[in-house]
Amino acid sequence: MYVFDNAAEQTAARFVALARLFDEGTIRHIEARGIRHGWHCLEIGGGGGSIAAWLAQRVGPEGRVPRDRPRHAVPRSASSAQR
């Protein structure tokens, strides 16, 4: 059982808050791995999709960034990371 229901009304706001808190450090760690154009990266547990969106820009049109989407995930309109 997951404590925070992704179908709840406040889900999008929670994902925005999590991105503000953690994306900078996450991006720093990802950049240290040397991800470049053309890479294929899988985003698992991507929440609101902010890291998947960043990865998609990083790998460019030649790369791919599929991500898991649980049944009760934030609607696509709330996430710009779908590629």
Protein backbone atom coordinates (compact mmCIF):
# COMPACT_ATOMS: atom_id res chain seq x y z
CA MET A 1 0.00 0.00 0.00
CA TYR A 2 1.27 3.44 -0.93
CA VAL A 3 0.56 6.14 1.66
CA PHE A 4 0.13 8.98 -0.84
CA ASP A 5 -2.69 8.29 -3.28
CA ASN A 6 -1.71 9.43 -6.79
CA ALA A 7 -5.40 9.84 -7.63
CA ALA A 8 -5.84 12.41 -4.84
CA GLU A 9 -6.66 16.02 -5.59
CA GLN A 10 -3.37 17.31 -4.13
CA THR A 11 -1.13 14.96 -6.13
CA ALA A 12 0.03 17.50 -8.72
CA ALA A 13 0.94 20.02 -6.00
CA ARG A 14 2.84 17.32 -4.10
CA PHE A 15 4.88 16.43 -7.19
CA VAL A 16 5.70 20.10 -7.81
CA ALA A 17 6.90 20.45 -4.20
CA LEU A 18 9.00 17.28 -4.47
CA ALA A 19 10.57 18.55 -7.69
CA ARG A 20 11.49 21.85 -6.03
CA LEU A 21 13.09 20.01 -3.12
CA PHE A 22 14.95 17.24 -4.92
CA ASP A 23 15.43 17.92 -8.65
CA GLU A 24 18.58 20.02 -8.28
CA GLY A 25 20.43 17.25 -6.43
CA THR A 26 19.04 14.54 -8.68
CA ILE A 27 20.15 16.42 -11.79
CA ARG A 28 23.60 16.92 -10.29
CA HIS A 29 23.94 13.15 -9.76
CA ILE A 30 22.64 12.36 -13.26
CA GLU A 31 25.02 14.89 -14.86
CA ALA A 32 27.92 13.20 -13.07
CA ARG A 33 27.08 10.02 -15.02
CA GLY A 34 27.82 11.78 -18.31
CA ILE A 35 24.45 11.30 -20.02
CA ARG A 36 24.64 12.66 -23.57
CA HIS A 37 22.61 13.03 -26.75
CA GLY A 38 21.35 9.74 -28.11
CA TRP A 39 21.24 7.87 -24.80
CA HIS A 40 18.25 5.76 -23.79
CA CYS A 41 17.28 6.35 -20.15
CA LEU A 42 14.43 4.70 -18.23
CA GLU A 43 12.69 6.79 -15.58
CA ILE A 44 11.12 4.63 -12.87
CA GLY A 45 9.02 6.17 -10.13
CA GLY A 46 9.13 9.51 -11.91
CA GLY A 47 6.36 11.26 -9.99
CA GLY A 48 5.36 14.40 -11.84
CA GLY A 49 7.85 13.86 -14.64
CA SER A 50 10.24 16.77 -14.10
CA ILE A 51 13.35 14.58 -14.22
CA ALA A 52 12.07 12.67 -17.25
CA ALA A 53 11.51 16.03 -18.99
CA TRP A 54 15.05 17.12 -18.12
CA LEU A 55 16.45 13.80 -19.36
CA ALA A 56 14.47 14.11 -22.60
CA GLN A 57 16.08 17.48 -23.27
CA ARG A 58 19.50 16.07 -22.40
CA VAL A 59 19.32 13.03 -24.70
CA GLY A 60 17.69 14.96 -27.53
CA PRO A 61 15.56 13.62 -30.36
CA GLU A 62 17.96 10.72 -31.01
CA GLY A 63 17.55 9.43 -27.43
CA ARG A 64 14.61 7.99 -25.54
CA VAL A 65 13.23 8.47 -22.04
CA PRO A 66 10.33 6.10 -21.43
CA ARG A 67 8.92 6.18 -17.92
CA ASP A 68 6.61 4.03 -15.90
CA ARG A 69 3.09 5.35 -15.43
CA PRO A 70 1.16 3.71 -12.62
CA ARG A 71 -2.57 3.40 -13.21
CA HIS A 72 -3.29 6.31 -10.85
CA ALA A 73 -0.50 8.62 -11.99
CA VAL A 74 -0.81 12.32 -12.61
CA PRO A 75 -2.67 12.93 -15.90
CA ARG A 76 -0.45 13.62 -18.91
CA SER A 77 -1.57 17.24 -18.98
CA ALA A 78 0.12 17.72 -15.58
CA SER A 79 3.40 16.32 -16.85
CA SER A 80 5.49 17.60 -19.74
CA ALA A 81 7.78 14.59 -19.71
CA GLN A 82 5.99 12.18 -22.02
CA ARG A 83 8.22 11.14 -24.93
